[in-house]
Amino acid sequence: MITRKNCVTLTLGLIVMSLLFFYPAKGRAEVDVSVNIGLPLPAVVISAPPAVVMIPGAPVYFAPDIEVDIFFYRGHWYRPYRQRWYRASHYNGPWCYIAPRAVPNVIVKLPPGYRHIPPGHEKIPYGQLKKHWKEREKAEKKAYKSHKHRRHGD
């Protein structure tokens, strides 16, 4: 039989145990977990393959007729969004986040005013982009080898 005294003792015991369990004690370890999922990159629908322009002073192309910045460099497309960079193999994505150190330096340090297209800079149709950048890279390698050979031949 439960007496009034036993009921009071049981209740007080439960209160004391609750306080000990929920009261923070010294030396109690705490764990802080945070998950940073990040915001998804907003989709940009590009209805047709974009024409590009080579940025003066940089071996980078950009699509001036698109509402967001997308750049083409050495076979990949790059897109900045909210202090992050994304890369894709195709101008329409899919875009994947890349670490800041993986973004080519020539893209991060584009000349100011790169959107201003000087006279004489024609837009390169998308269908000719791959050929254009491969020929330009080939010419740069040839010029580098020629320059290197002349320096050692002096």
C-alpha atoms as a PDB file:
ATOM      1  CA  MET A   1       0.000   0.000   0.000  1.00  0.00           C
ATOM      2  CA  ILE A   2       1.315   3.439  -0.954  1.00  0.00           C
ATOM      3  CA  THR A   3       1.131   5.882   1.861  1.00  0.00           C
ATOM      4  CA  ARG A   4       1.055   9.627   1.625  1.00  0.00           C
ATOM      5  CA  LYS A   5       4.618   9.742   3.011  1.00  0.00           C
ATOM      6  CA  ASN A   6       5.868   7.328   0.296  1.00  0.00           C
ATOM      7  CA  CYS A   7       4.113   9.361  -2.421  1.00  0.00           C
ATOM      8  CA  VAL A   8       5.757  12.613  -1.227  1.00  0.00           C
ATOM      9  CA  THR A   9       9.167  10.914  -1.023  1.00  0.00           C
ATOM     10  CA  LEU A  10       8.779   9.466  -4.520  1.00  0.00           C
ATOM     11  CA  THR A  11       7.726  12.845  -5.932  1.00  0.00           C
ATOM     12  CA  LEU A  12      10.644  14.660  -4.269  1.00  0.00           C
ATOM     13  CA  GLY A  13      13.036  12.000  -5.533  1.00  0.00           C
ATOM     14  CA  LEU A  14      11.773  12.438  -9.101  1.00  0.00           C
ATOM     15  CA  ILE A  15      12.144  16.218  -8.859  1.00  0.00           C
ATOM     16  CA  VAL A  16      15.728  15.946  -7.563  1.00  0.00           C
ATOM     17  CA  MET A  17      16.639  13.456 -10.293  1.00  0.00           C
ATOM     18  CA  SER A  18      15.069  15.692 -12.961  1.00  0.00           C
ATOM     19  CA  LEU A  19      17.036  18.696 -11.737  1.00  0.00           C
ATOM     20  CA  LEU A  20      20.287  16.740 -11.725  1.00  0.00           C
ATOM     21  CA  PHE A  21      19.627  15.392 -15.198  1.00  0.00           C
ATOM     22  CA  PHE A  22      18.666  18.701 -16.854  1.00  0.00           C
ATOM     23  CA  TYR A  23      20.876  21.075 -14.848  1.00  0.00           C
ATOM     24  CA  PRO A  24      24.154  21.809 -16.683  1.00  0.00           C
ATOM     25  CA  ALA A  25      27.089  20.640 -14.625  1.00  0.00           C
ATOM     26  CA  LYS A  26      30.726  21.708 -14.871  1.00  0.00           C
ATOM     27  CA  GLY A  27      32.702  19.555 -17.222  1.00  0.00           C
ATOM     28  CA  ARG A  28      29.659  18.569 -19.196  1.00  0.00           C
ATOM     29  CA  ALA A  29      30.587  18.197 -22.858  1.00  0.00           C
ATOM     30  CA  GLU A  30      28.596  20.024 -25.500  1.00  0.00           C
ATOM     31  CA  VAL A  31      28.388  19.259 -29.173  1.00  0.00           C
ATOM     32  CA  ASP A  32      27.536  21.888 -31.756  1.00  0.00           C
ATOM     33  CA  VAL A  33      26.619  20.535 -35.150  1.00  0.00           C
ATOM     34  CA  SER A  34      25.935  22.812 -38.095  1.00  0.00           C
ATOM     35  CA  VAL A  35      25.124  21.790 -41.606  1.00  0.00           C
ATOM     36  CA  ASN A  36      25.774  24.195 -44.461  1.00  0.00           C
ATOM     37  CA  ILE A  37      23.822  23.007 -47.445  1.00  0.00           C
ATOM     38  CA  GLY A  38      24.161  26.260 -49.340  1.00  0.00           C
ATOM     39  CA  LEU A  39      21.715  27.790 -51.733  1.00  0.00           C
ATOM     40  CA  PRO A  40      21.104  26.043 -55.005  1.00  0.00           C
ATOM     41  CA  LEU A  41      22.307  27.789 -58.114  1.00  0.00           C
ATOM     42  CA  PRO A  42      19.325  29.392 -59.830  1.00  0.00           C
ATOM     43  CA  ALA A  43      18.649  27.851 -63.203  1.00  0.00           C
ATOM     44  CA  VAL A  44      19.273  30.017 -66.211  1.00  0.00           C
ATOM     45  CA  VAL A  45      17.645  28.783 -69.354  1.00  0.00           C
ATOM     46  CA  ILE A  46      19.718  29.588 -72.394  1.00  0.00           C
ATOM     47  CA  SER A  47      17.456  28.911 -75.338  1.00  0.00           C
ATOM     48  CA  ALA A  48      20.221  28.705 -77.936  1.00  0.00           C
ATOM     49  CA  PRO A  49      23.978  28.152 -77.853  1.00  0.00           C
ATOM     50  CA  PRO A  50      25.497  31.559 -77.024  1.00  0.00           C
ATOM     51  CA  ALA A  51      27.957  33.488 -79.125  1.00  0.00           C
ATOM     52  CA  VAL A  52      31.023  34.538 -77.137  1.00  0.00           C
ATOM     53  CA  VAL A  53      33.633  37.267 -77.162  1.00  0.00           C
ATOM     54  CA  MET A  54      37.245  36.871 -76.114  1.00  0.00           C
ATOM     55  CA  ILE A  55      38.038  39.209 -73.240  1.00  0.00           C
ATOM     56  CA  PRO A  56      40.848  41.592 -74.228  1.00  0.00           C
ATOM     57  CA  GLY A  57      43.959  40.874 -72.183  1.00  0.00           C
ATOM     58  CA  ALA A  58      42.773  37.451 -71.000  1.00  0.00           C
ATOM     59  CA  PRO A  59      42.473  34.045 -72.681  1.00  0.00           C
ATOM     60  CA  VAL A  60      38.872  33.845 -71.459  1.00  0.00           C
ATOM     61  CA  TYR A  61      35.628  34.075 -73.394  1.00  0.00           C
ATOM     62  CA  PHE A  62      32.315  35.382 -72.085  1.00  0.00           C
ATOM     63  CA  ALA A  63      28.768  35.371 -73.418  1.00  0.00           C
ATOM     64  CA  PRO A  64      27.677  39.036 -73.572  1.00  0.00           C
ATOM     65  CA  ASP A  65      24.060  38.338 -74.532  1.00  0.00           C
ATOM     66  CA  ILE A  66      23.206  36.284 -71.436  1.00  0.00           C
ATOM     67  CA  GLU A  67      21.727  37.838 -68.289  1.00  0.00           C
ATOM     68  CA  VAL A  68      24.292  36.203 -65.964  1.00  0.00           C
ATOM     69  CA  ASP A  69      28.052  35.984 -66.215  1.00  0.00           C
ATOM     70  CA  ILE A  70      29.271  32.765 -67.770  1.00  0.00           C
ATOM     71  CA  PHE A  71      32.837  32.330 -68.940  1.00  0.00           C
ATOM     72  CA  PHE A  72      34.526  29.769 -71.143  1.00  0.00           C
ATOM     73  CA  TYR A  73      38.127  28.789 -70.481  1.00  0.00           C
ATOM     74  CA  ARG A  74      40.013  25.714 -71.694  1.00  0.00           C
ATOM     75  CA  GLY A  75      37.009  23.557 -72.401  1.00  0.00           C
ATOM     76  CA  HIS A  76      34.883  24.422 -69.353  1.00  0.00           C
ATOM     77  CA  TRP A  77      32.212  26.952 -68.526  1.00  0.00           C
ATOM     78  CA  TYR A  78      32.450  28.904 -65.259  1.00  0.00           C
ATOM     79  CA  ARG A  79      29.746  30.826 -63.460  1.00  0.00           C
ATOM     80  CA  PRO A  80      29.985  32.949 -60.296  1.00  0.00           C
ATOM     81  CA  TYR A  81      27.053  33.131 -57.906  1.00  0.00           C
ATOM     82  CA  ARG A  82      27.040  34.657 -54.393  1.00  0.00           C
ATOM     83  CA  GLN A  83      30.822  34.467 -53.834  1.00  0.00           C
ATOM     84  CA  ARG A  84      30.901  30.867 -55.083  1.00  0.00           C
ATOM     85  CA  TRP A  85      32.010  29.420 -58.385  1.00  0.00           C
ATOM     86  CA  TYR A  86      30.401  26.721 -60.462  1.00  0.00           C
ATOM     87  CA  ARG A  87      31.734  24.791 -63.453  1.00  0.00           C
ATOM     88  CA  ALA A  88      30.069  22.861 -66.266  1.00  0.00           C
ATOM     89  CA  SER A  89      31.096  21.086 -69.430  1.00  0.00           C
ATOM     90  CA  HIS A  90      28.163  22.601 -71.285  1.00  0.00           C
ATOM     91  CA  TYR A  91      26.930  26.198 -71.371  1.00  0.00           C
ATOM     92  CA  ASN A  92      23.538  25.110 -70.023  1.00  0.00           C
ATOM     93  CA  GLY A  93      24.934  23.000 -67.162  1.00  0.00           C
ATOM     94  CA  PRO A  94      24.620  20.959 -65.134  1.00  0.00           C
ATOM     95  CA  TRP A  95      26.618  23.267 -62.873  1.00  0.00           C
ATOM     96  CA  CYS A  96      28.739  21.880 -60.043  1.00  0.00           C
ATOM     97  CA  TYR A  97      30.237  23.856 -57.177  1.00  0.00           C
ATOM     98  CA  ILE A  98      34.026  24.068 -57.269  1.00  0.00           C
ATOM     99  CA  ALA A  99      36.381  25.125 -54.500  1.00  0.00           C
ATOM    100  CA  PRO A 100      37.813  28.647 -54.849  1.00  0.00           C
ATOM    101  CA  ARG A 101      41.329  27.264 -55.405  1.00  0.00           C
ATOM    102  CA  ALA A 102      40.031  25.278 -58.410  1.00  0.00           C
ATOM    103  CA  VAL A 103      38.902  28.404 -60.275  1.00  0.00           C
ATOM    104  CA  PRO A 104      41.564  29.412 -62.824  1.00  0.00           C
ATOM    105  CA  ASN A 105      43.356  32.577 -61.759  1.00  0.00           C
ATOM    106  CA  VAL A 106      42.755  34.236 -65.141  1.00  0.00           C
ATOM    107  CA  ILE A 107      39.008  34.068 -64.488  1.00  0.00           C
ATOM    108  CA  VAL A 108      39.191  35.361 -60.929  1.00  0.00           C
ATOM    109  CA  LYS A 109      41.370  38.287 -61.997  1.00  0.00           C
ATOM    110  CA  LEU A 110      39.566  39.416 -65.142  1.00  0.00           C
ATOM    111  CA  PRO A 111      40.389  42.947 -66.236  1.00  0.00           C
ATOM    112  CA  PRO A 112      37.909  45.557 -64.994  1.00  0.00           C
ATOM    113  CA  GLY A 113      35.369  46.521 -67.620  1.00  0.00           C
ATOM    114  CA  TYR A 114      35.667  43.187 -69.409  1.00  0.00           C
ATOM    115  CA  ARG A 115      32.028  43.531 -70.472  1.00  0.00           C
ATOM    116  CA  HIS A 116      32.930  46.517 -72.648  1.00  0.00           C
ATOM    117  CA  ILE A 117      33.571  45.068 -76.083  1.00  0.00           C
ATOM    118  CA  PRO A 118      36.030  47.241 -78.011  1.00  0.00           C
ATOM    119  CA  PRO A 119      35.481  47.888 -81.719  1.00  0.00           C
ATOM    120  CA  GLY A 120      36.793  45.103 -83.915  1.00  0.00           C
ATOM    121  CA  HIS A 121      35.966  42.319 -81.468  1.00  0.00           C
ATOM    122  CA  GLU A 122      33.473  40.121 -83.203  1.00  0.00           C
ATOM    123  CA  LYS A 123      31.267  37.587 -81.533  1.00  0.00           C
ATOM    124  CA  ILE A 124      32.396  34.022 -82.077  1.00  0.00           C
ATOM    125  CA  PRO A 125      29.487  31.706 -82.884  1.00  0.00           C
ATOM    126  CA  TYR A 126      29.152  28.830 -80.447  1.00  0.00           C
ATOM    127  CA  GLY A 127      29.814  26.304 -83.216  1.00  0.00           C
ATOM    128  CA  GLN A 128      33.268  27.821 -83.809  1.00  0.00           C
ATOM    129  CA  LEU A 129      34.257  28.269 -80.145  1.00  0.00           C
ATOM    130  CA  LYS A 130      36.053  24.945 -79.679  1.00  0.00           C
ATOM    131  CA  LYS A 131      38.058  25.407 -82.880  1.00  0.00           C
ATOM    132  CA  HIS A 132      38.883  29.018 -81.952  1.00  0.00           C
ATOM    133  CA  TRP A 133      40.225  28.296 -78.479  1.00  0.00           C
ATOM    134  CA  LYS A 134      42.190  25.230 -79.610  1.00  0.00           C
ATOM    135  CA  GLU A 135      43.855  27.233 -82.416  1.00  0.00           C
ATOM    136  CA  ARG A 136      44.632  30.075 -80.015  1.00  0.00           C
ATOM    137  CA  GLU A 137      46.155  27.664 -77.474  1.00  0.00           C
ATOM    138  CA  LYS A 138      48.222  26.037 -80.220  1.00  0.00           C
ATOM    139  CA  ALA A 139      49.500  29.458 -81.328  1.00  0.00           C
ATOM    140  CA  GLU A 140      50.350  30.384 -77.714  1.00  0.00           C
ATOM    141  CA  LYS A 141      52.347  27.163 -77.244  1.00  0.00           C
ATOM    142  CA  LYS A 142      54.202  27.779 -80.491  1.00  0.00           C
ATOM    143  CA  ALA A 143      55.012  31.365 -79.464  1.00  0.00           C
ATOM    144  CA  TYR A 144      56.184  30.164 -76.034  1.00  0.00           C
ATOM    145  CA  LYS A 145      58.481  27.522 -77.540  1.00  0.00           C
ATOM    146  CA  SER A 146      59.872  30.054 -80.022  1.00  0.00           C
ATOM    147  CA  HIS A 147      60.500  32.575 -77.245  1.00  0.00           C
ATOM    148  CA  LYS A 148      62.100  29.941 -75.035  1.00  0.00           C
ATOM    149  CA  HIS A 149      64.337  28.716 -77.890  1.00  0.00           C
ATOM    150  CA  ARG A 150      65.515  32.275 -78.686  1.00  0.00           C
ATOM    151  CA  ARG A 151      66.429  32.932 -75.038  1.00  0.00           C
ATOM    152  CA  HIS A 152      68.546  29.773 -74.783  1.00  0.00           C
ATOM    153  CA  GLY A 153      70.105  30.331 -78.209  1.00  0.00           C
ATOM    154  CA  ASP A 154      71.484  33.808 -77.320  1.00  0.00           C
END
